[in-house]
Amino acid sequence: MRAHPRFLNLNLAPFPNVDVVGNAQCLPFGAATIGALHCEAVLEHVELPDRAVAEMFRVLKPGGYVFAATPFLQAFHGYPDHFQNFTLAGHSALFARSGFTVVDSGPCVGPTFTLVDLASNWTREHVPSRLLSRIAWLGIRLIGRAFVQLDRVLLLSDQAHVLASTTFVLAQKPQAA
């Protein structure tokens, strides 16, 4: 998907909507050439996320922003692999270690989604019959859609990050970097 029509998409292979083929740990851009970055559902798939965030810092212009949304409580999903998930504190620290100022952070996919997602994935993986497991998975997903609406309220809680499916960080490269 394309997060915004004006954004360039970078991925490991030339899929539809991919503008640049490259690796997050060695971005194919010059230093201080990018004004803003949007990194969604990427860092859990990167073996060395500190290196990827350091690359973001390198390519961003001084004063530039990065928005990153990364799973905390999600099941393994392996394209091309799945190395780690991040707590809100860990996600923020990842960016601070590379020199970013964390402007904002919090949960962005709530705790009810976490429960629905984990329960449906559990049934898909552990109900013995392929047909029954798929039916149970679909049933949980369909019923869960109604309950996931609770996250609109639950995400307002100061403790929403404790069971959040995904957290976000909005960070800025300092002007003097």
C-alpha atoms as a PDB file:
ATOM      1  CA  MET A   1       0.000   0.000   0.000  1.00  0.00           C
ATOM      2  CA  ARG A   2       0.962   3.615  -0.379  1.00  0.00           C
ATOM      3  CA  ALA A   3       0.618   5.586   2.884  1.00  0.00           C
ATOM      4  CA  HIS A   4       0.255   8.860   0.988  1.00  0.00           C
ATOM      5  CA  PRO A   5       0.206   9.666  -2.756  1.00  0.00           C
ATOM      6  CA  ARG A   6       3.307  11.893  -2.442  1.00  0.00           C
ATOM      7  CA  PHE A   7       5.398   9.268  -0.612  1.00  0.00           C
ATOM      8  CA  LEU A   8       7.911   7.018  -2.325  1.00  0.00           C
ATOM      9  CA  ASN A   9       7.593   3.376  -1.268  1.00  0.00           C
ATOM     10  CA  LEU A  10      10.726   1.352  -0.534  1.00  0.00           C
ATOM     11  CA  ASN A  11      10.620  -2.440  -0.248  1.00  0.00           C
ATOM     12  CA  LEU A  12      12.916  -5.436  -0.669  1.00  0.00           C
ATOM     13  CA  ALA A  13      11.461  -6.373  -4.058  1.00  0.00           C
ATOM     14  CA  PRO A  14       9.642  -4.650  -6.945  1.00  0.00           C
ATOM     15  CA  PHE A  15       6.069  -5.293  -5.772  1.00  0.00           C
ATOM     16  CA  PRO A  16       3.143  -3.151  -6.970  1.00  0.00           C
ATOM     17  CA  ASN A  17       3.374   0.400  -5.548  1.00  0.00           C
ATOM     18  CA  VAL A  18       7.117   0.007  -4.853  1.00  0.00           C
ATOM     19  CA  ASP A  19       9.156   2.917  -6.200  1.00  0.00           C
ATOM     20  CA  VAL A  20      12.588   2.041  -4.774  1.00  0.00           C
ATOM     21  CA  VAL A  21      13.995  -1.425  -4.103  1.00  0.00           C
ATOM     22  CA  GLY A  22      16.332  -1.403  -1.134  1.00  0.00           C
ATOM     23  CA  ASN A  23      17.113  -2.482   2.400  1.00  0.00           C
ATOM     24  CA  ALA A  24      16.174  -0.517   5.529  1.00  0.00           C
ATOM     25  CA  GLN A  25      19.600  -1.238   7.028  1.00  0.00           C
ATOM     26  CA  CYS A  26      21.364   0.443   4.070  1.00  0.00           C
ATOM     27  CA  LEU A  27      19.004   3.009   2.583  1.00  0.00           C
ATOM     28  CA  PRO A  28      19.732   3.959  -1.046  1.00  0.00           C
ATOM     29  CA  PHE A  29      19.571   7.720  -0.406  1.00  0.00           C
ATOM     30  CA  GLY A  30      22.216  10.339   0.242  1.00  0.00           C
ATOM     31  CA  ALA A  31      22.795  11.845   3.677  1.00  0.00           C
ATOM     32  CA  ALA A  32      20.346  14.561   4.712  1.00  0.00           C
ATOM     33  CA  THR A  33      18.258  14.289   1.512  1.00  0.00           C
ATOM     34  CA  ILE A  34      14.827  13.186   2.812  1.00  0.00           C
ATOM     35  CA  GLY A  35      12.359  15.535   4.538  1.00  0.00           C
ATOM     36  CA  ALA A  36      10.161  12.921   6.248  1.00  0.00           C
ATOM     37  CA  LEU A  37       9.880   9.151   6.625  1.00  0.00           C
ATOM     38  CA  HIS A  38       6.909   6.873   7.250  1.00  0.00           C
ATOM     39  CA  CYS A  39       7.903   3.432   8.531  1.00  0.00           C
ATOM     40  CA  GLU A  40       4.951   1.143   9.169  1.00  0.00           C
ATOM     41  CA  ALA A  41       5.166  -2.565  10.036  1.00  0.00           C
ATOM     42  CA  VAL A  42       8.835  -2.750   9.040  1.00  0.00           C
ATOM     43  CA  LEU A  43      11.107  -2.754  12.100  1.00  0.00           C
ATOM     44  CA  GLU A  44       9.856  -6.112  13.410  1.00  0.00           C
ATOM     45  CA  HIS A  45      11.150  -7.636  10.161  1.00  0.00           C
ATOM     46  CA  VAL A  46      14.614  -6.091  10.372  1.00  0.00           C
ATOM     47  CA  GLU A  47      17.285  -8.160  12.079  1.00  0.00           C
ATOM     48  CA  LEU A  48      19.205  -5.085  13.251  1.00  0.00           C
ATOM     49  CA  PRO A  49      16.610  -2.369  13.902  1.00  0.00           C
ATOM     50  CA  ASP A  50      19.207  -0.040  15.473  1.00  0.00           C
ATOM     51  CA  ARG A  51      21.023  -0.018  12.123  1.00  0.00           C
ATOM     52  CA  ALA A  52      17.790   0.735  10.250  1.00  0.00           C
ATOM     53  CA  VAL A  53      16.936   3.632  12.574  1.00  0.00           C
ATOM     54  CA  ALA A  54      20.499   4.962  12.298  1.00  0.00           C
ATOM     55  CA  GLU A  55      20.017   4.897   8.504  1.00  0.00           C
ATOM     56  CA  MET A  56      16.794   6.877   8.898  1.00  0.00           C
ATOM     57  CA  PHE A  57      18.727   9.423  10.942  1.00  0.00           C
ATOM     58  CA  ARG A  58      21.441   9.588   8.271  1.00  0.00           C
ATOM     59  CA  VAL A  59      19.100  10.222   5.332  1.00  0.00           C
ATOM     60  CA  LEU A  60      16.771  12.682   7.076  1.00  0.00           C
ATOM     61  CA  LYS A  61      17.393  16.384   6.686  1.00  0.00           C
ATOM     62  CA  PRO A  62      17.993  18.263   9.958  1.00  0.00           C
ATOM     63  CA  GLY A  63      14.576  18.991  11.447  1.00  0.00           C
ATOM     64  CA  GLY A  64      13.019  16.107   9.479  1.00  0.00           C
ATOM     65  CA  TYR A  65      10.469  13.773  11.015  1.00  0.00           C
ATOM     66  CA  VAL A  66       9.999  10.024  11.081  1.00  0.00           C
ATOM     67  CA  PHE A  67       6.745   8.286  11.961  1.00  0.00           C
ATOM     68  CA  ALA A  68       7.161   4.616  12.848  1.00  0.00           C
ATOM     69  CA  ALA A  69       4.396   2.170  13.763  1.00  0.00           C
ATOM     70  CA  THR A  70       5.644  -1.212  14.935  1.00  0.00           C
ATOM     71  CA  PRO A  71       3.945  -4.238  16.530  1.00  0.00           C
ATOM     72  CA  PHE A  72       4.094  -4.907  20.247  1.00  0.00           C
ATOM     73  CA  LEU A  73       1.621  -7.763  20.832  1.00  0.00           C
ATOM     74  CA  GLN A  74       1.206  -9.513  17.502  1.00  0.00           C
ATOM     75  CA  ALA A  75       1.683 -13.084  16.402  1.00  0.00           C
ATOM     76  CA  PHE A  76       4.630 -14.107  14.263  1.00  0.00           C
ATOM     77  CA  HIS A  77       4.176 -12.943  10.685  1.00  0.00           C
ATOM     78  CA  GLY A  78       7.208 -13.701   8.601  1.00  0.00           C
ATOM     79  CA  TYR A  79       7.809 -11.601   5.529  1.00  0.00           C
ATOM     80  CA  PRO A  80      10.659 -11.997   4.948  1.00  0.00           C
ATOM     81  CA  ASP A  81      11.202 -12.843   8.615  1.00  0.00           C
ATOM     82  CA  HIS A  82      10.003 -11.648  12.008  1.00  0.00           C
ATOM     83  CA  PHE A  83      12.716 -10.851  14.540  1.00  0.00           C
ATOM     84  CA  GLN A  84      11.123  -8.796  17.343  1.00  0.00           C
ATOM     85  CA  ASN A  85       8.204  -6.695  18.561  1.00  0.00           C
ATOM     86  CA  PHE A  86       8.547  -3.501  20.623  1.00  0.00           C
ATOM     87  CA  THR A  87       7.102  -2.235  23.869  1.00  0.00           C
ATOM     88  CA  LEU A  88       6.322   1.479  23.835  1.00  0.00           C
ATOM     89  CA  ALA A  89       9.410   2.165  25.977  1.00  0.00           C
ATOM     90  CA  GLY A  90      11.601  -0.007  23.742  1.00  0.00           C
ATOM     91  CA  HIS A  91      10.261   1.602  20.593  1.00  0.00           C
ATOM     92  CA  SER A  92      10.971   5.116  21.916  1.00  0.00           C
ATOM     93  CA  ALA A  93      14.434   4.133  23.163  1.00  0.00           C
ATOM     94  CA  LEU A  94      15.296   2.674  19.752  1.00  0.00           C
ATOM     95  CA  PHE A  95      14.892   6.107  18.166  1.00  0.00           C
ATOM     96  CA  ALA A  96      16.471   8.059  21.021  1.00  0.00           C
ATOM     97  CA  ARG A  97      19.629   5.876  20.806  1.00  0.00           C
ATOM     98  CA  SER A  98      20.137   7.031  17.228  1.00  0.00           C
ATOM     99  CA  GLY A  99      19.966  10.698  18.174  1.00  0.00           C
ATOM    100  CA  PHE A 100      16.301  11.431  17.471  1.00  0.00           C
ATOM    101  CA  THR A 101      14.118  13.542  19.739  1.00  0.00           C
ATOM    102  CA  VAL A 102      10.922  11.605  20.424  1.00  0.00           C
ATOM    103  CA  VAL A 103       8.137  14.156  19.901  1.00  0.00           C
ATOM    104  CA  ASP A 104       5.211  11.821  20.581  1.00  0.00           C
ATOM    105  CA  SER A 105       4.569   8.128  21.112  1.00  0.00           C
ATOM    106  CA  GLY A 106       1.765   5.837  22.129  1.00  0.00           C
ATOM    107  CA  PRO A 107      -0.439   2.941  21.175  1.00  0.00           C
ATOM    108  CA  CYS A 108      -2.065   3.076  17.743  1.00  0.00           C
ATOM    109  CA  VAL A 109      -3.760  -0.331  17.472  1.00  0.00           C
ATOM    110  CA  GLY A 110      -5.559  -1.224  20.657  1.00  0.00           C
ATOM    111  CA  PRO A 111      -5.859  -3.995  23.196  1.00  0.00           C
ATOM    112  CA  THR A 112      -9.140  -5.435  21.890  1.00  0.00           C
ATOM    113  CA  PHE A 113      -7.576  -5.953  18.478  1.00  0.00           C
ATOM    114  CA  THR A 114      -4.709  -7.722  20.265  1.00  0.00           C
ATOM    115  CA  LEU A 115      -7.114 -10.233  21.818  1.00  0.00           C
ATOM    116  CA  VAL A 116      -9.033 -10.841  18.588  1.00  0.00           C
ATOM    117  CA  ASP A 117      -5.856 -11.175  16.542  1.00  0.00           C
ATOM    118  CA  LEU A 118      -4.154 -13.569  18.956  1.00  0.00           C
ATOM    119  CA  ALA A 119      -7.302 -15.701  19.447  1.00  0.00           C
ATOM    120  CA  SER A 120      -7.954 -15.993  15.713  1.00  0.00           C
ATOM    121  CA  ASN A 121      -4.328 -16.830  14.974  1.00  0.00           C
ATOM    122  CA  TRP A 122      -4.316 -19.393  17.781  1.00  0.00           C
ATOM    123  CA  THR A 123      -7.311 -21.178  16.247  1.00  0.00           C
ATOM    124  CA  ARG A 124      -5.779 -21.069  12.775  1.00  0.00           C
ATOM    125  CA  GLU A 125      -2.579 -22.680  14.066  1.00  0.00           C
ATOM    126  CA  HIS A 126      -3.910 -25.130  16.674  1.00  0.00           C
ATOM    127  CA  VAL A 127      -7.366 -26.387  15.680  1.00  0.00           C
ATOM    128  CA  PRO A 128      -6.560 -29.784  14.146  1.00  0.00           C
ATOM    129  CA  SER A 129      -8.608 -29.740  10.937  1.00  0.00           C
ATOM    130  CA  ARG A 130      -7.628 -27.184   8.287  1.00  0.00           C
ATOM    131  CA  LEU A 131     -11.290 -26.572   7.441  1.00  0.00           C
ATOM    132  CA  LEU A 132     -12.349 -26.202  11.089  1.00  0.00           C
ATOM    133  CA  SER A 133      -9.375 -23.977  11.882  1.00  0.00           C
ATOM    134  CA  ARG A 134     -10.214 -21.646   8.990  1.00  0.00           C
ATOM    135  CA  ILE A 135     -13.909 -21.523   9.977  1.00  0.00           C
ATOM    136  CA  ALA A 136     -12.997 -20.748  13.610  1.00  0.00           C
ATOM    137  CA  TRP A 137     -10.460 -18.131  12.470  1.00  0.00           C
ATOM    138  CA  LEU A 138     -13.072 -16.430  10.290  1.00  0.00           C
ATOM    139  CA  GLY A 139     -15.728 -16.606  13.026  1.00  0.00           C
ATOM    140  CA  ILE A 140     -13.460 -14.958  15.583  1.00  0.00           C
ATOM    141  CA  ARG A 141     -12.462 -12.264  13.081  1.00  0.00           C
ATOM    142  CA  LEU A 142     -16.084 -11.493  12.162  1.00  0.00           C
ATOM    143  CA  ILE A 143     -17.341 -11.383  15.768  1.00  0.00           C
ATOM    144  CA  GLY A 144     -14.203  -9.513  16.786  1.00  0.00           C
ATOM    145  CA  ARG A 145     -14.957  -6.676  14.358  1.00  0.00           C
ATOM    146  CA  ALA A 146     -17.785  -5.500  16.607  1.00  0.00           C
ATOM    147  CA  PHE A 147     -15.656  -5.670  19.763  1.00  0.00           C
ATOM    148  CA  VAL A 148     -12.638  -3.954  18.199  1.00  0.00           C
ATOM    149  CA  GLN A 149     -14.710  -0.756  18.189  1.00  0.00           C
ATOM    150  CA  LEU A 150     -14.010  -0.656  21.963  1.00  0.00           C
ATOM    151  CA  ASP A 151     -10.447   0.332  21.095  1.00  0.00           C
ATOM    152  CA  ARG A 152     -11.646   3.825  20.160  1.00  0.00           C
ATOM    153  CA  VAL A 153     -12.247   4.363  23.882  1.00  0.00           C
ATOM    154  CA  LEU A 154      -9.542   2.077  25.283  1.00  0.00           C
ATOM    155  CA  LEU A 155      -6.790   3.797  23.271  1.00  0.00           C
ATOM    156  CA  LEU A 156      -7.511   6.971  25.262  1.00  0.00           C
ATOM    157  CA  SER A 157      -6.342   5.276  28.482  1.00  0.00           C
ATOM    158  CA  ASP A 158      -2.871   5.988  29.835  1.00  0.00           C
ATOM    159  CA  GLN A 159      -2.404   2.213  30.089  1.00  0.00           C
ATOM    160  CA  ALA A 160      -3.499   1.301  26.533  1.00  0.00           C
ATOM    161  CA  HIS A 161       0.120   0.592  25.566  1.00  0.00           C
ATOM    162  CA  VAL A 162       0.296  -2.303  28.060  1.00  0.00           C
ATOM    163  CA  LEU A 163      -1.790  -4.555  25.785  1.00  0.00           C
ATOM    164  CA  ALA A 164      -1.560  -2.637  22.501  1.00  0.00           C
ATOM    165  CA  SER A 165      -1.135  -4.511  19.271  1.00  0.00           C
ATOM    166  CA  THR A 166       0.964  -1.700  17.783  1.00  0.00           C
ATOM    167  CA  THR A 167       2.756   1.374  19.070  1.00  0.00           C
ATOM    168  CA  PHE A 168       3.964   4.465  17.263  1.00  0.00           C
ATOM    169  CA  VAL A 169       6.827   6.890  17.605  1.00  0.00           C
ATOM    170  CA  LEU A 170       6.991  10.343  16.053  1.00  0.00           C
ATOM    171  CA  ALA A 171      10.599  11.488  16.193  1.00  0.00           C
ATOM    172  CA  GLN A 172      12.544  14.446  14.858  1.00  0.00           C
ATOM    173  CA  LYS A 173      16.143  14.753  13.772  1.00  0.00           C
ATOM    174  CA  PRO A 174      17.614  17.753  15.618  1.00  0.00           C
ATOM    175  CA  GLN A 175      18.246  20.891  13.545  1.00  0.00           C
ATOM    176  CA  ALA A 176      21.945  20.896  14.470  1.00  0.00           C
ATOM    177  CA  ALA A 177      22.590  17.250  13.583  1.00  0.00           C
END
